């Protein structure tokens, strides 16, 4: 059975070559995009007078039949179908005859593949961004329902200062908001049609790449044909956005794992998003959060692998570029699934508010506030830091409440005991963007605006 490029060769390709070079199992996902690109290409060929109206209609009918066969599972692939592009063209020729053989006029698989991948990413990138926005919505909703709950903020995984639960959840919100902004930037740069670049140098035929670009809804066409077929920056950028998003999801997952443990006890997992043990009947495991953490390495690896593939390639197209699709497809799938699972977990999770508060109230989380009270009375911060640190050390060593030492300090005294009251320290956080109630009200309003902007972009 012949290939679409058999004319140059005196014998058929070996089975080993076909088995090694085929990408059909991976790039079948591009079928809809290949059909869309082919239809636009045929319309342009007709406009340019390179195919007749009758021929264009026959090709379009054949493409419709191919789409139907692919959708209902009756499409018969053959051994020489190296990829979805070859398969679609081969079947179109079978159905449309001589007219079908004109489908590839002025086109190379080099610009065809680049086009299909850009069409695919334009759609699927927005789908992942939509999942990101949904998780942002859940975080914002849980933050708005925080109702004054507070917990320790941590540095070095040691209790540091108290923060409102809303503040902690919104920290993850803003990281995801940046990821949505990265999608906007990356997809804008990917919004370039490469069709018309040919194999690498354009064509002597009167092609109309601007017409095709407009037909397919691209913002613009390529400027350089060599760059158009070899550029995979848009894939690398998408993988970076996916990798960084997955890192943000991993960090959120790590905190959920900690919070759901008996040692922290800050969160109860919803039954629908927890798993059990095959041996230990008492277990409720945070597998969703653990997998969110674990899959980050997979997506980071996909980005690294593609960058290594690209780093030594000369212009223009090289078959190495076939390796761009599998990491992109897998990373898109991984990130989309992770976003949905974490959104479901957080939607149904129950925060153990009293346990969170106790973790703050029973610690030395108000120590910084004591130091700042000394600063307010004119004492240099370094001196205040040493004095409060010494009081904390003595309280630990002697096994006495910190309040007892504060009350006897000449520059603090009984008036300073109010700082140590339950919840008092978090209320004192007053600076913009900080963890106190006033700043949180402003932050919630800003988050609602950010969510609205993200949704408006997706809707647009």
Protein backbone atom coordinates (compact mmCIF):
# COMPACT_ATOMS: atom_id res chain seq x y z
CA UNK A 1 0.00 0.00 0.00
CA UNK A 2 1.52 3.33 -1.07
CA UNK A 3 2.16 6.41 1.05
CA UNK A 4 1.38 9.97 0.07
CA UNK A 5 5.07 10.46 -0.64
CA UNK A 6 5.88 7.18 -2.45
CA UNK A 7 6.81 8.75 -5.81
CA UNK A 8 10.43 9.41 -4.82
CA UNK A 9 11.04 5.83 -3.68
CA UNK A 10 11.50 2.59 -5.57
CA UNK A 11 10.21 0.27 -2.84
CA UNK A 12 7.64 0.36 -0.08
CA UNK A 13 8.59 1.58 3.41
CA UNK A 14 9.51 -1.14 5.87
CA UNK A 15 7.14 -2.19 8.61
CA UNK A 16 9.76 -1.14 11.16
CA UNK A 17 9.93 2.37 9.71
CA UNK A 18 6.16 2.75 9.73
CA UNK A 19 5.89 1.41 13.28
CA UNK A 20 8.57 3.80 14.53
CA UNK A 21 7.47 6.95 12.75
CA UNK A 22 3.69 6.77 13.10
CA UNK A 23 2.05 9.35 15.34
CA UNK A 24 -1.55 8.34 14.63
CA UNK A 25 -2.29 6.94 18.12
CA UNK A 26 -1.43 10.37 19.56
CA UNK A 27 -2.54 12.91 16.97
CA UNK A 28 -5.97 11.40 16.26
CA UNK A 29 -7.11 14.03 18.77
CA UNK A 30 -6.44 16.63 16.09
CA UNK A 31 -9.03 15.21 13.69
CA UNK A 32 -11.58 17.99 14.18
CA UNK A 33 -8.90 20.63 13.79
CA UNK A 34 -7.48 18.96 10.69
CA UNK A 35 -10.91 18.93 9.12
CA UNK A 36 -11.51 22.59 10.00
CA UNK A 37 -8.17 23.59 8.53
CA UNK A 38 -8.75 21.52 5.39
CA UNK A 39 -12.17 23.07 4.81
CA UNK A 40 -10.75 26.58 5.11
CA UNK A 41 -7.87 25.63 2.80
CA UNK A 42 -10.30 24.36 0.15
CA UNK A 43 -12.36 27.54 0.36
CA UNK A 44 -9.20 29.55 -0.20
CA UNK A 45 -8.16 27.35 -3.15
CA UNK A 46 -11.55 27.97 -4.74
CA UNK A 47 -11.30 31.73 -4.17
CA UNK A 48 -7.80 31.73 -5.70
CA UNK A 49 -9.02 29.76 -8.72
CA UNK A 50 -6.83 26.75 -7.96
CA UNK A 51 -9.84 24.42 -7.77
CA UNK A 52 -13.19 24.83 -9.45
CA UNK A 53 -16.41 25.34 -7.58
CA UNK A 54 -17.47 21.82 -8.49
CA UNK A 55 -14.20 20.37 -7.25
CA UNK A 56 -14.37 22.37 -4.02
CA UNK A 57 -17.90 21.07 -3.39
CA UNK A 58 -16.78 17.48 -3.99
CA UNK A 59 -13.87 17.87 -1.56
CA UNK A 60 -16.08 19.48 1.07
CA UNK A 61 -18.60 16.64 0.74
CA UNK A 62 -15.80 14.13 1.15
CA UNK A 63 -14.53 15.93 4.25
CA UNK A 64 -18.07 15.83 5.67
CA UNK A 65 -18.17 12.08 5.05
CA UNK A 66 -14.76 11.66 6.72
CA UNK A 67 -16.02 13.57 9.75
CA UNK A 68 -19.08 11.35 9.95
CA UNK A 69 -16.97 8.19 9.73
CA UNK A 70 -14.59 9.42 12.42
CA UNK A 71 -17.42 10.38 14.74
CA UNK A 72 -19.35 7.12 14.41
CA UNK A 73 -16.29 4.89 14.53
CA UNK A 74 -16.55 3.49 10.98
CA UNK A 75 -13.42 5.23 9.64
CA UNK A 76 -11.04 2.51 8.43
CA UNK A 77 -7.42 3.38 9.11
CA UNK A 78 -4.73 1.64 7.05
CA UNK A 79 -1.10 0.79 7.72
CA UNK A 80 0.30 3.71 5.76
CA UNK A 81 -1.75 6.29 7.68
CA UNK A 82 1.25 7.82 9.40
CA UNK A 83 -0.83 10.44 11.16
CA UNK A 84 -4.34 11.85 11.23
CA UNK A 85 -3.47 14.32 8.46
CA UNK A 86 -2.42 11.53 6.09
CA UNK A 87 -5.48 9.48 6.99
CA UNK A 88 -7.90 12.33 6.31
CA UNK A 89 -6.30 13.17 2.98
CA UNK A 90 -6.10 9.54 1.88
CA UNK A 91 -9.78 8.96 2.61
CA UNK A 92 -10.77 12.24 0.96
CA UNK A 93 -9.05 11.15 -2.24
CA UNK A 94 -10.83 7.79 -2.07
CA UNK A 95 -14.18 9.55 -1.78
CA UNK A 96 -13.67 12.54 -4.10
CA UNK A 97 -11.29 11.06 -6.65
CA UNK A 98 -9.33 13.50 -8.79
CA UNK A 99 -10.84 16.47 -6.99
CA UNK A 100 -9.73 15.01 -3.64
CA UNK A 101 -6.17 14.78 -4.93
CA UNK A 102 -6.18 18.59 -5.12
CA UNK A 103 -6.83 19.00 -1.37
CA UNK A 104 -3.13 19.31 -0.58
CA UNK A 105 -2.47 21.92 -3.28
CA UNK A 106 -0.09 24.57 -1.95
CA UNK A 107 0.05 22.88 1.44
CA UNK A 108 2.63 20.82 3.31
CA UNK A 109 2.14 18.68 6.34
CA UNK A 110 4.62 21.07 7.94
CA UNK A 111 2.26 24.05 7.90
CA UNK A 112 -0.78 21.78 8.22
CA UNK A 113 0.40 20.21 11.48
CA UNK A 114 1.37 23.60 12.91
CA UNK A 115 -2.09 24.92 12.03
CA UNK A 116 -3.92 21.98 13.60
CA UNK A 117 -1.94 22.24 16.80
CA UNK A 118 -2.63 25.97 17.13
CA UNK A 119 -6.35 25.39 16.56
CA UNK A 120 -6.33 22.63 19.17
CA UNK A 121 -4.44 24.69 21.75
CA UNK A 122 -6.66 27.72 21.21
CA UNK A 123 -9.63 25.60 22.31
CA UNK A 124 -8.08 23.33 24.93
CA UNK A 125 -6.00 26.05 26.57
CA UNK A 126 -9.17 28.01 27.22
CA UNK A 127 -10.77 24.87 28.66
CA UNK A 128 -7.96 24.55 31.22
CA UNK A 129 -8.20 28.28 31.95
CA UNK A 130 -11.94 27.77 32.54
CA UNK A 131 -11.16 25.00 35.05
CA UNK A 132 -8.72 27.36 36.75
CA UNK A 133 -11.41 30.02 37.01
CA UNK A 134 -13.79 27.50 38.55
CA UNK A 135 -11.26 26.62 41.27
CA UNK A 136 -10.78 30.36 41.85
CA UNK A 137 -14.53 30.66 42.32
CA UNK A 138 -14.53 27.89 44.93
CA UNK A 139 -11.62 29.49 46.81
CA UNK A 140 -13.35 32.87 46.78
CA UNK A 141 -16.63 31.34 47.90
CA UNK A 142 -14.96 29.55 50.82
CA UNK A 143 -13.07 32.73 51.70
CA UNK A 144 -16.30 34.74 51.79
CA UNK A 145 -17.82 32.09 54.06
CA UNK A 146 -14.82 32.23 56.42
CA UNK A 147 -16.83 34.28 58.93
CA UNK A 148 -13.82 35.51 60.88
CA UNK A 149 -12.14 32.10 61.24
CA UNK A 150 -8.41 32.35 61.77
CA UNK A 151 -5.45 29.99 61.96
CA UNK A 152 -1.68 30.13 62.27
CA UNK A 153 0.24 31.43 59.31
CA UNK A 154 3.46 29.47 58.89
CA UNK A 155 7.04 30.09 57.91
CA UNK A 156 9.39 27.10 57.77
CA UNK A 157 6.24 25.09 58.67
CA UNK A 158 6.47 26.64 62.12
CA UNK A 159 3.64 28.74 63.55
CA UNK A 160 4.40 32.38 62.86
CA UNK A 161 1.52 34.89 62.98
CA UNK A 162 -2.25 34.50 62.91
CA UNK A 163 -4.09 35.04 59.63
CA UNK A 164 -7.74 34.91 58.69
CA UNK A 165 -8.75 31.73 56.88
CA UNK A 166 -10.02 33.94 54.05
CA UNK A 167 -6.56 35.45 53.69
CA UNK A 168 -4.95 32.03 53.43
CA UNK A 169 -7.41 30.78 50.81
CA UNK A 170 -7.08 33.96 48.77
CA UNK A 171 -3.32 33.49 48.59
CA UNK A 172 -4.02 30.45 46.40
CA UNK A 173 -6.68 32.43 44.50
CA UNK A 174 -4.19 35.07 43.40
CA UNK A 175 -1.65 32.48 42.23
CA UNK A 176 -4.33 30.94 40.00
CA UNK A 177 -5.40 34.37 38.77
CA UNK A 178 -1.86 34.89 37.50
CA UNK A 179 -2.11 31.54 35.71
CA UNK A 180 -5.25 32.72 33.90
CA UNK A 181 -3.41 35.89 32.89
CA UNK A 182 -0.58 33.71 31.55
CA UNK A 183 -3.11 31.80 29.43
CA UNK A 184 -4.34 35.10 28.00
CA UNK A 185 -0.80 36.08 27.06
CA UNK A 186 0.21 32.67 25.73
CA UNK A 187 -2.92 32.14 23.65
CA UNK A 188 -2.62 35.63 22.20
CA UNK A 189 0.88 34.79 20.95
CA UNK A 190 -0.38 31.45 19.61
CA UNK A 191 -3.11 33.21 17.62
CA UNK A 192 -1.16 33.11 14.36
CA UNK A 193 -2.09 31.07 11.28
CA UNK A 194 0.90 29.26 9.70
CA UNK A 195 -1.06 27.94 6.69
CA UNK A 196 0.50 29.12 3.47
CA UNK A 197 4.06 28.69 4.68
CA UNK A 198 4.22 25.36 2.85
CA UNK A 199 7.10 23.09 3.68
CA UNK A 200 9.34 26.04 4.55
CA UNK A 201 9.41 28.68 1.79
CA UNK A 202 5.83 29.47 0.78
CA UNK A 203 4.54 28.68 -2.69
CA UNK A 204 4.64 29.85 -6.29
CA UNK A 205 0.86 29.41 -6.42
CA UNK A 206 -1.45 32.39 -5.73
CA UNK A 207 -2.33 31.34 -2.18
CA UNK A 208 -4.10 33.70 0.19
CA UNK A 209 -2.82 33.04 3.74
CA UNK A 210 -4.54 36.16 5.07
CA UNK A 211 -7.88 34.83 3.83
CA UNK A 212 -7.36 31.48 5.56
CA UNK A 213 -6.25 33.17 8.76
CA UNK A 214 -9.41 35.29 8.84
CA UNK A 215 -11.60 32.32 7.89
CA UNK A 216 -10.30 30.31 10.86
CA UNK A 217 -10.59 33.22 13.27
CA UNK A 218 -6.88 33.86 13.76
CA UNK A 219 -5.71 37.33 14.70
CA UNK A 220 -3.05 37.34 11.99
CA UNK A 221 -0.97 35.19 9.64
CA UNK A 222 2.70 34.30 9.91
CA UNK A 223 5.43 36.77 8.88
CA UNK A 224 8.20 34.29 8.03
CA UNK A 225 7.59 30.90 6.47
CA UNK A 226 10.69 29.30 8.00
CA UNK A 227 9.59 30.43 11.45
CA UNK A 228 5.97 29.42 10.82
CA UNK A 229 6.69 25.71 10.35
CA UNK A 230 9.46 25.41 12.95
CA UNK A 231 8.00 27.56 15.74
CA UNK A 232 6.86 25.61 18.77
CA UNK A 233 7.21 28.48 21.21
CA UNK A 234 3.46 28.39 21.62
CA UNK A 235 3.62 24.77 22.80
CA UNK A 236 6.48 25.53 25.18
CA UNK A 237 4.61 28.53 26.59
CA UNK A 238 1.48 26.46 27.09
CA UNK A 239 3.49 23.78 28.85
CA UNK A 240 5.06 26.41 31.10
CA UNK A 241 1.64 27.75 32.06
CA UNK A 242 0.46 24.19 32.70
CA UNK A 243 3.56 23.35 34.72
CA UNK A 244 3.32 26.45 36.88
CA UNK A 245 -0.40 25.92 37.39
CA UNK A 246 0.32 22.34 38.43
CA UNK A 247 2.97 23.62 40.85
CA UNK A 248 0.37 25.93 42.39
CA UNK A 249 -2.05 23.01 42.63
CA UNK A 250 0.68 20.91 44.21
CA UNK A 251 1.27 23.53 46.90
CA UNK A 252 -2.45 23.68 47.61
CA UNK A 253 -2.56 19.90 47.70
CA UNK A 254 0.32 19.75 50.16
CA UNK A 255 -1.49 22.08 52.56
CA UNK A 256 -4.68 20.06 52.26
CA UNK A 257 -2.74 16.89 53.08
CA UNK A 258 -1.33 18.56 56.19
CA UNK A 259 -4.61 20.13 57.25
CA UNK A 260 -6.50 16.84 56.91
CA UNK A 261 -4.05 15.00 59.17
CA UNK A 262 -4.86 14.38 62.84
CA UNK A 263 -1.72 16.32 63.73
CA UNK A 264 -3.20 19.51 62.23
CA UNK A 265 -6.90 18.63 62.23
CA UNK A 266 -7.86 21.82 60.37
CA UNK A 267 -10.03 20.14 57.75
CA UNK A 268 -12.40 17.22 57.26
CA UNK A 269 -12.39 15.70 53.79
CA UNK A 270 -15.75 15.25 52.06
CA UNK A 271 -16.67 11.60 51.56
CA UNK A 272 -16.95 12.05 47.79
CA UNK A 273 -13.34 13.23 47.56
CA UNK A 274 -11.64 10.95 50.09
CA UNK A 275 -10.48 7.37 49.75
CA UNK A 276 -10.05 4.46 52.13
CA UNK A 277 -7.46 1.83 52.82
CA UNK A 278 -7.60 -1.76 51.61
CA UNK A 279 -6.28 -2.87 55.02
CA UNK A 280 -6.92 -0.12 57.56
CA UNK A 281 -10.66 0.39 58.05
CA UNK A 282 -10.33 3.68 59.95
CA UNK A 283 -8.51 5.56 57.19
CA UNK A 284 -9.77 8.59 55.23
CA UNK A 285 -6.99 9.40 52.80
CA UNK A 286 -6.47 12.69 50.91
CA UNK A 287 -5.58 10.95 47.65
CA UNK A 288 -6.88 13.83 45.52
CA UNK A 289 -4.53 16.27 47.22
CA UNK A 290 -1.64 13.80 47.08
CA UNK A 291 -2.12 13.19 43.36
CA UNK A 292 -2.31 16.94 42.76
CA UNK A 293 1.09 17.11 44.39
CA UNK A 294 2.47 14.05 42.62
CA UNK A 295 1.39 14.95 39.10
CA UNK A 296 3.32 18.23 39.18
CA UNK A 297 6.53 16.36 38.40
CA UNK A 298 4.91 14.81 35.36
CA UNK A 299 3.93 18.17 33.86
CA UNK A 300 7.26 19.79 34.75
CA UNK A 301 8.93 16.85 32.99
CA UNK A 302 6.83 17.45 29.88
CA UNK A 303 8.01 21.07 29.71
CA UNK A 304 11.63 20.08 30.27
CA UNK A 305 11.43 17.34 27.66
CA UNK A 306 10.07 19.65 24.97
CA UNK A 307 12.66 22.34 25.66
CA UNK A 308 15.42 19.74 25.30
CA UNK A 309 13.87 18.61 22.02
CA UNK A 310 13.77 22.15 20.67
CA UNK A 311 17.14 23.40 21.83
CA UNK A 312 19.30 21.99 19.02
CA UNK A 313 16.99 21.99 16.02
CA UNK A 314 18.09 23.83 12.87
CA UNK A 315 15.51 25.58 10.69
CA UNK A 316 13.02 24.65 9.43
CA UNK A 317 10.91 21.53 10.08
CA UNK A 318 12.50 18.43 11.62
CA UNK A 319 10.70 15.21 12.54
CA UNK A 320 11.74 15.77 16.15
CA UNK A 321 8.81 18.19 16.29
CA UNK A 322 6.48 15.20 16.18
CA UNK A 323 7.34 14.87 19.88
CA UNK A 324 5.52 18.10 20.75
CA UNK A 325 1.99 16.67 20.92
CA UNK A 326 2.09 13.89 23.47
CA UNK A 327 3.49 16.03 26.32
CA UNK A 328 1.07 18.83 25.49
CA UNK A 329 -1.97 16.56 25.34
CA UNK A 330 -1.04 14.74 28.53
CA UNK A 331 -0.33 17.96 30.42
CA UNK A 332 -3.61 19.55 29.36
CA UNK A 333 -5.49 16.44 30.49
CA UNK A 334 -3.60 16.22 33.77
CA UNK A 335 -4.10 19.85 34.70
CA UNK A 336 -7.79 19.86 33.76
CA UNK A 337 -8.50 16.76 35.87
CA UNK A 338 -6.52 18.11 38.82
CA UNK A 339 -8.37 21.42 38.78
CA UNK A 340 -11.77 19.71 38.78
CA UNK A 341 -10.85 17.29 41.56
CA UNK A 342 -9.45 19.98 43.85
CA UNK A 343 -12.44 22.23 43.21
CA UNK A 344 -14.75 19.40 44.26
CA UNK A 345 -12.71 18.63 47.36
CA UNK A 346 -12.64 22.25 48.52
CA UNK A 347 -16.30 22.76 47.72
CA UNK A 348 -17.28 19.98 50.13
CA UNK A 349 -14.53 20.22 52.75
CA UNK A 350 -15.42 21.15 56.33
CA UNK A 351 -12.99 23.47 58.08
CA UNK A 352 -12.40 22.76 61.77
CA UNK A 353 -12.53 26.38 62.84
CA UNK A 354 -12.16 25.83 66.57
CA UNK A 355 -9.10 23.65 66.04
CA UNK A 356 -7.57 26.37 63.87
CA UNK A 357 -8.24 29.05 66.45
CA UNK A 358 -6.84 26.94 69.27
CA UNK A 359 -3.62 26.42 67.31
CA UNK A 360 -3.14 30.20 67.36
CA UNK A 361 -4.42 30.99 70.84
CA UNK A 362 -2.27 28.36 72.53
CA UNK A 363 0.95 29.49 70.86
CA UNK A 364 3.22 32.53 70.90
CA UNK A 365 1.73 33.88 67.66
CA UNK A 366 1.16 37.33 69.22
CA UNK A 367 4.86 37.84 70.01
CA UNK A 368 5.38 40.16 67.05
CA UNK A 369 2.46 42.30 68.20
CA UNK A 370 4.09 42.67 71.61
CA UNK A 371 7.31 43.79 69.93
CA UNK A 372 5.39 46.27 67.78
CA UNK A 373 3.69 47.63 70.91
CA UNK A 374 7.11 48.35 72.34
CA UNK A 375 8.10 49.98 69.04
CA UNK A 376 5.02 52.21 69.25
CA UNK A 377 6.29 53.48 72.62
CA UNK A 378 9.61 54.53 71.02
CA UNK A 379 11.79 51.46 71.62
CA UNK A 380 13.96 50.43 68.63
CA UNK A 381 12.66 47.30 66.94
CA UNK A 382 15.85 45.31 67.45
CA UNK A 383 15.71 45.95 71.19
CA UNK A 384 12.00 45.13 71.25
CA UNK A 385 12.66 41.90 69.36
CA UNK A 386 15.28 40.81 71.88
CA UNK A 387 13.11 41.66 74.87
CA UNK A 388 10.04 39.78 73.63
CA UNK A 389 12.17 36.85 72.46
CA UNK A 390 13.69 36.66 75.93
CA UNK A 391 10.23 36.67 77.53
CA UNK A 392 9.14 33.80 75.28
CA UNK A 393 12.26 31.83 76.19
CA UNK A 394 11.71 32.37 79.91
CA UNK A 395 8.04 31.39 79.60
CA UNK A 396 9.04 28.11 77.94
CA UNK A 397 11.88 27.37 80.33
CA UNK A 398 9.87 28.17 83.47
CA UNK A 399 6.62 26.67 82.21
CA UNK A 400 4.65 29.85 82.94
CA UNK A 401 2.15 31.74 80.73
CA UNK A 402 3.63 34.49 78.59
CA UNK A 403 0.98 36.82 80.00
CA UNK A 404 2.55 36.55 83.45
CA UNK A 405 5.85 37.94 82.16
CA UNK A 406 4.18 40.58 79.98
CA UNK A 407 2.24 41.90 82.96
CA UNK A 408 5.43 42.55 84.91
CA UNK A 409 7.35 44.17 82.04
CA UNK A 410 7.76 47.91 82.76
CA UNK A 411 7.06 48.95 79.15
CA UNK A 412 4.18 46.56 78.58
CA UNK A 413 2.32 45.79 81.79
CA UNK A 414 -1.38 44.89 82.20
CA UNK A 415 -2.48 47.09 79.31
CA UNK A 416 -0.56 44.86 76.89
CA UNK A 417 -2.47 41.74 77.95
CA UNK A 418 -5.23 42.65 75.48
CA UNK A 419 -2.85 41.68 72.67
CA UNK A 420 -2.80 38.12 74.02
CA UNK A 421 -6.57 37.73 74.08
CA UNK A 422 -7.92 35.03 71.69
CA UNK A 423 -8.22 36.46 68.18
CA UNK A 424 -6.83 39.86 69.14
CA UNK A 425 -3.60 39.58 67.17
CA UNK A 426 -5.31 38.85 63.84
CA UNK A 427 -7.60 41.86 64.26
CA UNK A 428 -4.53 44.07 64.67
CA UNK A 429 -3.32 43.27 61.14
CA UNK A 430 -4.30 46.55 59.50
CA UNK A 431 -1.97 47.16 56.55
CA UNK A 432 -3.32 46.90 52.96
CA UNK A 433 -3.02 43.38 51.61
CA UNK A 434 -2.53 42.03 55.12
CA UNK A 435 -4.36 39.34 57.06
CA UNK A 436 -6.69 41.51 59.15
CA UNK A 437 -10.45 42.04 58.72
CA UNK A 438 -10.35 45.48 57.07
CA UNK A 439 -7.75 44.46 54.53
CA UNK A 440 -9.63 41.23 53.82
CA UNK A 441 -12.80 43.15 52.95
CA UNK A 442 -10.85 45.09 50.34
CA UNK A 443 -9.13 41.94 49.12
CA UNK A 444 -12.42 40.09 48.70
CA UNK A 445 -13.72 42.95 46.59
CA UNK A 446 -10.56 42.86 44.46
CA UNK A 447 -10.88 39.08 44.09
CA UNK A 448 -14.48 39.39 42.92
CA UNK A 449 -13.36 41.90 40.29
CA UNK A 450 -10.51 39.62 39.19
CA UNK A 451 -12.89 36.68 38.86
CA UNK A 452 -15.23 38.83 36.80
CA UNK A 453 -12.40 39.85 34.46
CA UNK A 454 -11.35 36.22 34.00
CA UNK A 455 -14.89 35.16 33.21
CA UNK A 456 -15.35 38.05 30.78
CA UNK A 457 -12.22 36.97 28.88
CA UNK A 458 -13.46 33.38 28.67
CA UNK A 459 -16.90 34.51 27.52
CA UNK A 460 -15.34 36.78 24.94
